[in-house]
């Protein structure tokens, strides 16, 4: 089994998509009236329009979206975070943690994925 898509709800899908494009280097693969789809190799990150009655991300929420990156990609993420003034919230030996503009916790991780199969 593999991930098909991950959907994030946002009051401003275009702005949030721009953040993920700029920081993580994700390509836009589809735009539509109520959202933007970003490519994740063999999956999609869908950023969808949130309804007016939907709650935002709770302050301090520790839910996490972590992206697998290699060392060079992680260095590029660090550089882009610095250039855009996005603070690094925490770090481990393998992962850099930060928040997207809506407060979601995001990670760029070099931790080796296990061989599945």
N, C-alpha and C. Protein backbone atom coordinates (compact mmCIF):
# COMPACT_ATOMS: atom_id res chain seq x y z
N UNK A 1 0.85 -1.17 0.00
CA UNK A 1 0.00 0.00 0.00
C UNK A 1 0.90 1.23 0.00
N UNK A 2 0.46 2.27 -0.66
CA UNK A 2 1.22 3.52 -0.66
C UNK A 2 0.28 4.70 -0.56
N UNK A 3 0.81 5.84 -0.26
CA UNK A 3 0.01 7.05 -0.13
C UNK A 3 -0.48 7.50 -1.49
N UNK A 4 -1.76 7.78 -1.60
CA UNK A 4 -2.35 8.32 -2.83
C UNK A 4 -2.30 9.84 -2.81
N UNK A 5 -2.88 10.44 -1.74
CA UNK A 5 -2.80 11.88 -1.59
C UNK A 5 -2.97 12.26 -0.12
N UNK A 6 -2.52 13.44 0.18
CA UNK A 6 -2.69 14.05 1.49
C UNK A 6 -3.40 15.37 1.23
N UNK A 7 -4.49 15.62 1.94
CA UNK A 7 -5.26 16.85 1.72
C UNK A 7 -5.13 17.76 2.94
N UNK A 8 -4.70 18.98 2.70
CA UNK A 8 -4.67 20.01 3.74
C UNK A 8 -5.76 21.02 3.41
N UNK A 9 -6.55 21.38 4.38
CA UNK A 9 -7.60 22.37 4.21
C UNK A 9 -7.04 23.73 4.58
N UNK A 10 -7.38 24.75 3.81
CA UNK A 10 -6.80 26.07 4.02
C UNK A 10 -7.79 27.17 3.65
N UNK A 11 -7.80 28.27 4.41
CA UNK A 11 -8.62 29.42 4.00
C UNK A 11 -8.04 30.13 2.77
N UNK A 12 -6.75 29.87 2.47
CA UNK A 12 -6.11 30.49 1.32
C UNK A 12 -5.21 29.47 0.63
N UNK A 13 -5.81 28.57 -0.18
CA UNK A 13 -5.02 27.50 -0.81
C UNK A 13 -3.86 28.00 -1.66
N UNK A 14 -4.05 29.07 -2.39
CA UNK A 14 -2.97 29.57 -3.25
C UNK A 14 -1.75 29.99 -2.45
N UNK A 15 -1.98 30.71 -1.36
CA UNK A 15 -0.85 31.16 -0.53
C UNK A 15 -0.15 29.98 0.13
N UNK A 16 -0.92 29.03 0.63
CA UNK A 16 -0.31 27.87 1.28
C UNK A 16 0.45 27.03 0.26
N UNK A 17 -0.11 26.86 -0.93
CA UNK A 17 0.59 26.12 -1.99
C UNK A 17 1.90 26.81 -2.35
N UNK A 18 1.88 28.12 -2.41
CA UNK A 18 3.10 28.86 -2.74
C UNK A 18 4.18 28.59 -1.69
N UNK A 19 3.80 28.54 -0.42
CA UNK A 19 4.75 28.24 0.65
C UNK A 19 5.40 26.87 0.42
N UNK A 20 4.59 25.84 0.17
CA UNK A 20 5.15 24.50 -0.03
C UNK A 20 5.99 24.42 -1.31
N UNK A 21 5.61 25.18 -2.32
CA UNK A 21 6.44 25.23 -3.53
C UNK A 21 7.78 25.88 -3.23
N UNK A 22 7.76 27.00 -2.52
CA UNK A 22 8.99 27.74 -2.23
C UNK A 22 9.90 27.00 -1.26
N UNK A 23 9.34 26.47 -0.18
CA UNK A 23 10.17 25.84 0.85
C UNK A 23 10.58 24.43 0.47
N UNK A 24 9.62 23.62 0.02
CA UNK A 24 9.89 22.21 -0.24
C UNK A 24 10.22 21.94 -1.71
N UNK A 25 10.06 22.92 -2.58
CA UNK A 25 10.36 22.73 -3.99
C UNK A 25 9.36 21.84 -4.71
N UNK A 26 8.13 21.78 -4.21
CA UNK A 26 7.11 20.93 -4.83
C UNK A 26 6.54 21.60 -6.08
N UNK A 27 6.32 20.84 -7.15
CA UNK A 27 5.74 21.42 -8.36
C UNK A 27 4.21 21.44 -8.29
N UNK A 28 3.62 22.46 -8.89
CA UNK A 28 2.17 22.50 -9.06
C UNK A 28 1.84 21.56 -10.21
N UNK A 29 0.95 20.60 -9.95
CA UNK A 29 0.56 19.65 -10.99
C UNK A 29 -0.88 19.89 -11.47
N UNK A 30 -1.65 20.66 -10.69
CA UNK A 30 -3.02 20.96 -11.10
C UNK A 30 -3.56 22.11 -10.27
N UNK A 31 -4.24 23.01 -10.93
CA UNK A 31 -4.97 24.05 -10.22
C UNK A 31 -6.43 23.92 -10.59
N UNK A 32 -7.28 24.22 -9.64
CA UNK A 32 -8.71 24.18 -9.87
C UNK A 32 -9.36 25.27 -9.04
N UNK A 33 -10.63 25.54 -9.21
CA UNK A 33 -11.26 26.67 -8.50
C UNK A 33 -11.15 26.60 -6.98
N UNK A 34 -11.10 25.39 -6.41
CA UNK A 34 -11.11 25.27 -4.95
C UNK A 34 -9.84 24.66 -4.39
N UNK A 35 -8.73 24.75 -5.13
CA UNK A 35 -7.51 24.20 -4.57
C UNK A 35 -6.38 24.07 -5.56
N UNK A 36 -5.27 23.63 -5.03
CA UNK A 36 -4.04 23.44 -5.80
C UNK A 36 -3.47 22.07 -5.43
N UNK A 37 -3.02 21.33 -6.44
CA UNK A 37 -2.39 20.03 -6.20
C UNK A 37 -0.90 20.16 -6.47
N UNK A 38 -0.11 19.63 -5.53
CA UNK A 38 1.35 19.66 -5.65
C UNK A 38 1.87 18.24 -5.77
N UNK A 39 2.89 18.05 -6.60
CA UNK A 39 3.43 16.72 -6.84
C UNK A 39 4.34 16.24 -5.74
N UNK A 40 4.15 14.96 -5.37
CA UNK A 40 5.00 14.27 -4.39
C UNK A 40 5.48 12.96 -4.99
N UNK A 41 6.22 13.01 -6.05
CA UNK A 41 6.66 11.82 -6.78
C UNK A 41 5.47 10.97 -7.19
N UNK A 42 5.10 9.96 -6.41
CA UNK A 42 3.97 9.12 -6.82
C UNK A 42 2.71 9.37 -5.99
N UNK A 43 2.61 10.54 -5.37
CA UNK A 43 1.43 10.95 -4.61
C UNK A 43 1.19 12.44 -4.86
N UNK A 44 0.14 12.96 -4.25
CA UNK A 44 -0.21 14.36 -4.44
C UNK A 44 -0.51 15.00 -3.09
N UNK A 45 -0.04 16.22 -2.90
CA UNK A 45 -0.42 17.04 -1.76
C UNK A 45 -1.50 17.99 -2.27
N UNK A 46 -2.74 17.76 -1.82
CA UNK A 46 -3.87 18.59 -2.24
C UNK A 46 -4.09 19.67 -1.19
N UNK A 47 -4.08 20.90 -1.63
CA UNK A 47 -4.38 22.00 -0.73
C UNK A 47 -5.74 22.54 -1.16
N UNK A 48 -6.73 22.30 -0.30
CA UNK A 48 -8.12 22.54 -0.64
C UNK A 48 -8.70 23.71 0.14
N UNK A 49 -9.67 24.37 -0.47
CA UNK A 49 -10.35 25.49 0.16
C UNK A 49 -11.12 25.02 1.38
N UNK A 50 -10.85 25.63 2.53
CA UNK A 50 -11.58 25.32 3.76
C UNK A 50 -12.87 26.14 3.77
N UNK A 51 -13.89 25.58 4.38
CA UNK A 51 -15.15 26.32 4.56
C UNK A 51 -15.02 27.34 5.67
N UNK A 52 -15.87 28.32 5.64
CA UNK A 52 -15.83 29.38 6.65
C UNK A 52 -16.03 28.86 8.07
N UNK A 53 -16.73 27.72 8.21
CA UNK A 53 -17.01 27.19 9.53
C UNK A 53 -15.98 26.16 10.01
N UNK A 54 -14.95 25.90 9.21
CA UNK A 54 -13.92 24.92 9.62
C UNK A 54 -12.93 25.57 10.57
N UNK A 55 -12.54 24.82 11.61
CA UNK A 55 -11.54 25.37 12.54
C UNK A 55 -10.16 25.39 11.89
N UNK A 56 -9.33 26.28 12.37
CA UNK A 56 -7.95 26.33 11.91
C UNK A 56 -7.10 25.31 12.64
N UNK A 57 -5.82 25.35 12.38
CA UNK A 57 -4.88 24.45 13.05
C UNK A 57 -4.74 24.93 14.50
N UNK A 58 -4.94 24.05 15.48
CA UNK A 58 -4.80 24.47 16.88
C UNK A 58 -3.37 24.93 17.19
N UNK A 59 -3.25 25.99 17.95
CA UNK A 59 -1.93 26.49 18.33
C UNK A 59 -1.14 25.39 19.04
N UNK A 60 0.10 25.23 18.64
CA UNK A 60 0.97 24.26 19.28
C UNK A 60 0.71 22.81 18.90
N UNK A 61 -0.17 22.57 17.93
CA UNK A 61 -0.49 21.21 17.50
C UNK A 61 0.78 20.48 17.09
N UNK A 62 0.94 19.24 17.54
CA UNK A 62 2.14 18.47 17.22
C UNK A 62 1.92 17.46 16.10
N UNK A 63 0.73 17.49 15.47
CA UNK A 63 0.55 16.66 14.28
C UNK A 63 1.64 17.07 13.29
N UNK A 64 2.05 16.15 12.44
CA UNK A 64 3.22 16.40 11.61
C UNK A 64 3.03 15.90 10.19
N UNK A 65 3.46 16.69 9.24
CA UNK A 65 3.63 16.26 7.86
C UNK A 65 5.14 16.27 7.64
N UNK A 66 5.73 15.09 7.41
CA UNK A 66 7.17 15.00 7.22
C UNK A 66 7.48 14.54 5.80
N UNK A 67 8.37 15.24 5.15
CA UNK A 67 8.78 14.93 3.79
C UNK A 67 10.14 14.24 3.83
N UNK A 68 10.29 13.16 3.06
CA UNK A 68 11.58 12.48 2.95
C UNK A 68 12.46 13.27 2.00
N UNK A 69 13.64 13.62 2.45
CA UNK A 69 14.59 14.39 1.64
C UNK A 69 15.98 13.76 1.80
N UNK A 70 16.85 14.05 0.85
CA UNK A 70 18.25 13.66 1.04
C UNK A 70 18.99 14.84 1.68
N UNK A 71 20.25 14.67 1.97
CA UNK A 71 21.01 15.70 2.68
C UNK A 71 21.05 17.01 1.90
N UNK A 72 21.22 16.94 0.58
CA UNK A 72 21.27 18.16 -0.23
C UNK A 72 19.91 18.87 -0.23
N UNK A 73 18.84 18.10 -0.32
CA UNK A 73 17.50 18.70 -0.29
C UNK A 73 17.24 19.34 1.08
N UNK A 74 17.68 18.68 2.15
CA UNK A 74 17.48 19.24 3.48
C UNK A 74 18.26 20.56 3.62
N UNK A 75 19.46 20.60 3.09
CA UNK A 75 20.25 21.83 3.13
C UNK A 75 19.55 22.94 2.36
N UNK A 76 18.95 22.59 1.23
CA UNK A 76 18.21 23.58 0.43
C UNK A 76 16.98 24.08 1.19
N UNK A 77 16.29 23.18 1.88
CA UNK A 77 15.13 23.58 2.69
C UNK A 77 15.59 24.55 3.77
N UNK A 78 16.68 24.22 4.47
CA UNK A 78 17.22 25.11 5.50
C UNK A 78 17.51 26.50 4.93
N UNK A 79 18.12 26.53 3.77
CA UNK A 79 18.47 27.79 3.14
C UNK A 79 17.22 28.60 2.80
N UNK A 80 16.22 27.94 2.24
CA UNK A 80 14.98 28.64 1.87
C UNK A 80 14.23 29.12 3.10
N UNK A 81 14.24 28.31 4.18
CA UNK A 81 13.62 28.75 5.43
C UNK A 81 14.28 30.04 5.91
N UNK A 82 15.60 30.06 5.92
CA UNK A 82 16.33 31.25 6.35
C UNK A 82 16.04 32.45 5.48
N UNK A 83 16.03 32.24 4.17
CA UNK A 83 15.80 33.35 3.24
C UNK A 83 14.41 33.95 3.41
N UNK A 84 13.44 33.12 3.78
CA UNK A 84 12.07 33.60 3.94
C UNK A 84 11.74 33.95 5.39
N UNK A 85 12.72 33.83 6.28
CA UNK A 85 12.51 34.19 7.68
C UNK A 85 11.61 33.23 8.44
N UNK A 86 11.55 31.98 7.99
CA UNK A 86 10.73 30.97 8.68
C UNK A 86 11.62 30.30 9.72
N UNK A 87 11.26 30.39 10.99
CA UNK A 87 12.12 29.81 12.02
C UNK A 87 12.09 28.28 12.04
N UNK A 88 13.23 27.70 12.35
CA UNK A 88 13.31 26.26 12.61
C UNK A 88 12.86 26.08 14.05
N UNK A 89 11.83 25.23 14.22
CA UNK A 89 11.24 25.03 15.55
C UNK A 89 12.03 24.03 16.39
N UNK A 90 12.55 23.00 15.73
CA UNK A 90 13.31 21.96 16.43
C UNK A 90 14.12 21.20 15.40
N UNK A 91 15.10 20.44 15.91
CA UNK A 91 15.93 19.60 15.04
C UNK A 91 16.29 18.33 15.77
N UNK A 92 16.43 17.26 15.00
CA UNK A 92 17.02 16.03 15.50
C UNK A 92 18.20 15.73 14.58
N UNK A 93 18.83 14.61 14.79
CA UNK A 93 19.93 14.21 13.93
C UNK A 93 19.50 14.14 12.47
N UNK A 94 18.24 13.79 12.22
CA UNK A 94 17.75 13.56 10.86
C UNK A 94 16.74 14.58 10.34
N UNK A 95 16.03 15.26 11.23
CA UNK A 95 14.86 16.03 10.81
C UNK A 95 14.92 17.47 11.27
N UNK A 96 14.52 18.37 10.37
CA UNK A 96 14.36 19.79 10.67
C UNK A 96 12.85 20.04 10.73
N UNK A 97 12.39 20.67 11.81
CA UNK A 97 10.96 20.93 12.02
C UNK A 97 10.69 22.43 11.95
N UNK A 98 9.60 22.78 11.30
CA UNK A 98 9.18 24.18 11.19
C UNK A 98 7.67 24.20 11.06
N UNK A 99 7.08 25.37 10.98
CA UNK A 99 5.63 25.53 10.85
C UNK A 99 5.31 26.19 9.51
N UNK A 100 4.23 25.74 8.89
CA UNK A 100 3.77 26.44 7.69
C UNK A 100 3.03 27.70 8.13
N UNK A 101 2.62 28.57 7.22
CA UNK A 101 2.00 29.83 7.61
C UNK A 101 0.71 29.68 8.42
N UNK A 102 0.09 28.50 8.35
CA UNK A 102 -1.16 28.29 9.09
C UNK A 102 -0.93 27.54 10.40
N UNK A 103 0.33 27.27 10.73
CA UNK A 103 0.66 26.67 12.01
C UNK A 103 0.86 25.17 12.01
N UNK A 104 0.77 24.52 10.83
CA UNK A 104 1.02 23.07 10.77
C UNK A 104 2.49 22.80 10.98
N UNK A 105 2.78 21.73 11.73
CA UNK A 105 4.16 21.32 11.94
C UNK A 105 4.61 20.51 10.72
N UNK A 106 5.76 20.86 10.19
CA UNK A 106 6.29 20.25 8.98
C UNK A 106 7.72 19.79 9.27
N UNK A 107 8.10 18.68 8.67
CA UNK A 107 9.46 18.19 8.82
C UNK A 107 10.09 17.88 7.48
N UNK A 108 11.39 18.06 7.41
CA UNK A 108 12.20 17.64 6.25
C UNK A 108 13.19 16.65 6.83
N UNK A 109 13.00 15.35 6.51
CA UNK A 109 13.72 14.29 7.21
C UNK A 109 14.58 13.45 6.28
N UNK A 110 15.81 13.23 6.72
CA UNK A 110 16.72 12.33 6.01
C UNK A 110 16.73 10.93 6.62
N UNK A 111 15.87 10.69 7.62
CA UNK A 111 15.84 9.39 8.28
C UNK A 111 15.59 8.31 7.24
N UNK A 112 16.41 7.28 7.21
CA UNK A 112 16.24 6.25 6.18
C UNK A 112 14.95 5.47 6.37
N UNK A 113 14.19 5.39 5.30
CA UNK A 113 12.96 4.61 5.35
C UNK A 113 13.30 3.12 5.27
N UNK A 114 12.57 2.30 5.98
CA UNK A 114 12.85 0.87 5.94
C UNK A 114 12.45 0.30 4.58
N UNK A 115 13.11 -0.77 4.20
CA UNK A 115 12.73 -1.48 2.99
C UNK A 115 11.40 -2.17 3.26
N UNK A 116 10.41 -1.85 2.46
CA UNK A 116 9.09 -2.45 2.64
C UNK A 116 8.86 -3.43 1.51
N UNK A 117 8.20 -4.46 1.78
CA UNK A 117 7.92 -5.35 0.68
C UNK A 117 7.74 -6.71 1.04
